[in-house]
Amino acid sequence: MPLSLLHRLASAQLPVSFTEGGDIDAIRMLALAGHVQAVIPRPVRTLTGHHQPAATVSAITPLGRQMMDRFPREAEVG
């Protein structure tokens, strides 16, 4: 999933914000791997549990672009 999100980000106009938990987890993995520059706020404790504020991706790094070159989208594989 993180790699497919990386390909989606490549065709988007950055910065892009995400609010879904799965997307935020994928962004966290991409950022830890050095593939994107992102701001991921810490979860906020609420009376009913936790709330995750939106994560914002500001750039794809050169390493992230290399990953997209090495692992193209499945539809692009010829």
N, C-alpha and C. Protein backbone atom coordinates (compact mmCIF):
# COMPACT_ATOMS: atom_id res chain seq x y z
N MET A 1 0.81 -1.20 0.00
CA MET A 1 0.00 0.00 0.00
C MET A 1 0.85 1.27 0.00
N PRO A 2 1.94 1.35 0.78
CA PRO A 2 2.72 2.58 0.73
C PRO A 2 3.24 2.90 -0.68
N LEU A 3 3.63 1.88 -1.43
CA LEU A 3 4.15 2.13 -2.77
C LEU A 3 3.05 2.65 -3.70
N SER A 4 1.84 2.12 -3.58
CA SER A 4 0.75 2.62 -4.42
C SER A 4 0.40 4.05 -4.03
N LEU A 5 0.50 4.37 -2.75
CA LEU A 5 0.26 5.75 -2.31
C LEU A 5 1.35 6.66 -2.86
N LEU A 6 2.58 6.18 -2.90
CA LEU A 6 3.67 6.97 -3.46
C LEU A 6 3.39 7.31 -4.93
N HIS A 7 2.89 6.35 -5.69
CA HIS A 7 2.53 6.60 -7.08
C HIS A 7 1.37 7.58 -7.19
N ARG A 8 0.40 7.48 -6.29
CA ARG A 8 -0.72 8.44 -6.29
C ARG A 8 -0.21 9.85 -6.00
N LEU A 9 0.72 9.96 -5.07
CA LEU A 9 1.28 11.27 -4.72
C LEU A 9 2.02 11.89 -5.90
N ALA A 10 2.66 11.06 -6.71
CA ALA A 10 3.43 11.56 -7.85
C ALA A 10 2.54 12.27 -8.86
N SER A 11 1.27 11.88 -8.94
CA SER A 11 0.37 12.51 -9.90
C SER A 11 -0.49 13.60 -9.26
N ALA A 12 -0.30 13.86 -7.97
CA ALA A 12 -1.06 14.88 -7.27
C ALA A 12 -0.27 16.18 -7.18
N GLN A 13 -1.00 17.25 -6.98
CA GLN A 13 -0.36 18.55 -6.75
C GLN A 13 -0.10 18.66 -5.25
N LEU A 14 1.17 18.70 -4.89
CA LEU A 14 1.55 18.76 -3.48
C LEU A 14 1.56 20.19 -2.97
N PRO A 15 1.27 20.44 -1.73
CA PRO A 15 1.07 19.49 -0.64
C PRO A 15 -0.34 18.88 -0.67
N VAL A 16 -0.43 17.66 -0.11
CA VAL A 16 -1.68 16.93 -0.02
C VAL A 16 -1.86 16.47 1.42
N SER A 17 -3.09 16.60 1.94
CA SER A 17 -3.39 16.17 3.30
C SER A 17 -4.26 14.93 3.27
N PHE A 18 -4.05 14.05 4.25
CA PHE A 18 -4.81 12.81 4.38
C PHE A 18 -5.36 12.70 5.78
N THR A 19 -6.57 12.17 5.88
CA THR A 19 -7.20 12.01 7.19
C THR A 19 -7.53 10.57 7.53
N GLU A 20 -7.51 9.68 6.55
CA GLU A 20 -7.83 8.27 6.79
C GLU A 20 -6.67 7.57 7.49
N GLY A 21 -6.99 6.72 8.45
CA GLY A 21 -5.97 6.04 9.25
C GLY A 21 -5.00 5.23 8.42
N GLY A 22 -5.51 4.48 7.43
CA GLY A 22 -4.63 3.65 6.59
C GLY A 22 -3.67 4.49 5.77
N ASP A 23 -4.17 5.62 5.24
CA ASP A 23 -3.30 6.52 4.48
C ASP A 23 -2.24 7.14 5.37
N ILE A 24 -2.62 7.52 6.58
CA ILE A 24 -1.66 8.13 7.50
C ILE A 24 -0.59 7.12 7.90
N ASP A 25 -0.99 5.87 8.10
CA ASP A 25 0.01 4.83 8.41
C ASP A 25 0.97 4.64 7.25
N ALA A 26 0.45 4.64 6.01
CA ALA A 26 1.30 4.49 4.83
C ALA A 26 2.24 5.69 4.69
N ILE A 27 1.74 6.89 4.96
CA ILE A 27 2.58 8.09 4.90
C ILE A 27 3.68 8.01 5.95
N ARG A 28 3.33 7.51 7.12
CA ARG A 28 4.33 7.36 8.19
C ARG A 28 5.45 6.42 7.74
N MET A 29 5.09 5.31 7.10
CA MET A 29 6.10 4.37 6.60
C MET A 29 6.95 5.00 5.50
N LEU A 30 6.31 5.73 4.58
CA LEU A 30 7.05 6.38 3.50
C LEU A 30 8.01 7.43 4.06
N ALA A 31 7.56 8.17 5.05
CA ALA A 31 8.42 9.20 5.65
C ALA A 31 9.59 8.57 6.40
N LEU A 32 9.33 7.50 7.15
CA LEU A 32 10.41 6.82 7.87
C LEU A 32 11.43 6.22 6.92
N ALA A 33 10.98 5.79 5.74
CA ALA A 33 11.90 5.22 4.75
C ALA A 33 12.63 6.30 3.97
N GLY A 34 12.24 7.57 4.14
CA GLY A 34 12.90 8.66 3.44
C GLY A 34 12.36 8.90 2.05
N HIS A 35 11.16 8.40 1.76
CA HIS A 35 10.59 8.55 0.41
C HIS A 35 9.75 9.82 0.24
N VAL A 36 9.27 10.38 1.34
CA VAL A 36 8.49 11.62 1.27
C VAL A 36 8.87 12.52 2.44
N GLN A 37 8.59 13.80 2.25
CA GLN A 37 8.67 14.75 3.35
C GLN A 37 7.25 14.99 3.79
N ALA A 38 6.98 14.77 5.07
CA ALA A 38 5.62 14.87 5.56
C ALA A 38 5.59 15.39 6.98
N VAL A 39 4.46 16.01 7.32
CA VAL A 39 4.18 16.42 8.70
C VAL A 39 3.05 15.53 9.18
N ILE A 40 3.32 14.76 10.22
CA ILE A 40 2.33 13.85 10.77
C ILE A 40 2.16 14.20 12.25
N PRO A 41 1.10 14.93 12.58
CA PRO A 41 0.90 15.30 13.98
C PRO A 41 0.65 14.07 14.86
N ARG A 42 0.99 14.20 16.10
CA ARG A 42 0.73 13.12 17.06
C ARG A 42 -0.78 13.03 17.29
N PRO A 43 -1.26 11.83 17.58
CA PRO A 43 -2.68 11.68 17.91
C PRO A 43 -3.03 12.50 19.16
N VAL A 44 -4.26 12.97 19.20
CA VAL A 44 -4.74 13.77 20.32
C VAL A 44 -5.68 12.91 21.15
N ARG A 45 -5.44 12.84 22.43
CA ARG A 45 -6.31 12.06 23.32
C ARG A 45 -7.63 12.81 23.50
N THR A 46 -8.72 12.07 23.37
CA THR A 46 -10.05 12.63 23.59
C THR A 46 -10.74 11.82 24.68
N LEU A 47 -11.94 12.23 25.05
CA LEU A 47 -12.68 11.50 26.07
C LEU A 47 -13.07 10.10 25.60
N THR A 48 -13.19 9.92 24.29
CA THR A 48 -13.61 8.63 23.74
C THR A 48 -12.46 7.83 23.14
N GLY A 49 -11.24 8.28 23.27
CA GLY A 49 -10.10 7.56 22.71
C GLY A 49 -9.05 8.52 22.18
N HIS A 50 -8.77 8.41 20.87
CA HIS A 50 -7.78 9.27 20.23
C HIS A 50 -8.31 9.78 18.90
N HIS A 51 -7.83 10.95 18.52
CA HIS A 51 -8.15 11.54 17.22
C HIS A 51 -6.83 11.81 16.51
N GLN A 52 -6.72 11.38 15.25
CA GLN A 52 -5.50 11.62 14.48
C GLN A 52 -5.72 12.82 13.56
N PRO A 53 -5.04 13.95 13.82
CA PRO A 53 -5.12 15.08 12.89
C PRO A 53 -4.55 14.69 11.53
N ALA A 54 -4.89 15.45 10.53
CA ALA A 54 -4.47 15.17 9.15
C ALA A 54 -2.94 15.19 9.01
N ALA A 55 -2.44 14.29 8.16
CA ALA A 55 -1.03 14.25 7.80
C ALA A 55 -0.88 14.94 6.45
N THR A 56 0.18 15.73 6.29
CA THR A 56 0.39 16.47 5.05
C THR A 56 1.72 16.09 4.43
N VAL A 57 1.66 15.67 3.16
CA VAL A 57 2.86 15.35 2.39
C VAL A 57 3.22 16.58 1.58
N SER A 58 4.45 17.06 1.74
CA SER A 58 4.87 18.28 1.03
C SER A 58 5.76 17.99 -0.17
N ALA A 59 6.43 16.82 -0.19
CA ALA A 59 7.34 16.52 -1.30
C ALA A 59 7.65 15.04 -1.36
N ILE A 60 7.99 14.59 -2.55
CA ILE A 60 8.54 13.25 -2.75
C ILE A 60 10.05 13.45 -2.88
N THR A 61 10.81 12.69 -2.13
CA THR A 61 12.27 12.84 -2.14
C THR A 61 12.87 12.16 -3.36
N PRO A 62 14.12 12.46 -3.67
CA PRO A 62 14.80 11.74 -4.76
C PRO A 62 14.80 10.22 -4.54
N LEU A 63 14.94 9.78 -3.30
CA LEU A 63 14.89 8.35 -3.01
C LEU A 63 13.50 7.79 -3.33
N GLY A 64 12.46 8.55 -3.02
CA GLY A 64 11.11 8.13 -3.36
C GLY A 64 10.91 8.02 -4.86
N ARG A 65 11.48 8.93 -5.62
CA ARG A 65 11.38 8.87 -7.08
C ARG A 65 12.14 7.66 -7.63
N GLN A 66 13.27 7.33 -7.02
CA GLN A 66 14.00 6.12 -7.42
C GLN A 66 13.17 4.88 -7.17
N MET A 67 12.46 4.84 -6.06
CA MET A 67 11.59 3.69 -5.76
C MET A 67 10.49 3.55 -6.81
N MET A 68 9.93 4.67 -7.23
CA MET A 68 8.87 4.62 -8.25
C MET A 68 9.43 4.13 -9.58
N ASP A 69 10.67 4.49 -9.89
CA ASP A 69 11.30 4.01 -11.12
C ASP A 69 11.56 2.50 -11.06
N ARG A 70 11.99 2.03 -9.90
CA ARG A 70 12.31 0.61 -9.74
C ARG A 70 11.07 -0.27 -9.63
N PHE A 71 10.01 0.30 -9.07
CA PHE A 71 8.77 -0.45 -8.88
C PHE A 71 7.62 0.33 -9.50
N PRO A 72 7.48 0.27 -10.84
CA PRO A 72 6.39 1.03 -11.49
C PRO A 72 5.04 0.46 -11.11
N ARG A 73 4.01 1.25 -11.40
CA ARG A 73 2.64 0.77 -11.15
C ARG A 73 2.43 -0.51 -11.93
N GLU A 74 1.60 -1.37 -11.41
CA GLU A 74 1.36 -2.66 -12.06
C GLU A 74 0.81 -2.48 -13.47
N ALA A 75 -0.01 -1.45 -13.68
CA ALA A 75 -0.59 -1.22 -15.01
C ALA A 75 0.47 -0.78 -16.00
N GLU A 76 1.60 -0.22 -15.50
CA GLU A 76 2.66 0.27 -16.39
C GLU A 76 3.63 -0.83 -16.79
N VAL A 77 3.60 -1.94 -16.08
CA VAL A 77 4.53 -3.02 -16.38
C VAL A 77 4.14 -3.61 -17.72
N GLY A 78 5.10 -3.72 -18.63
CA GLY A 78 4.77 -4.10 -19.97
C GLY A 78 5.19 -5.45 -20.30
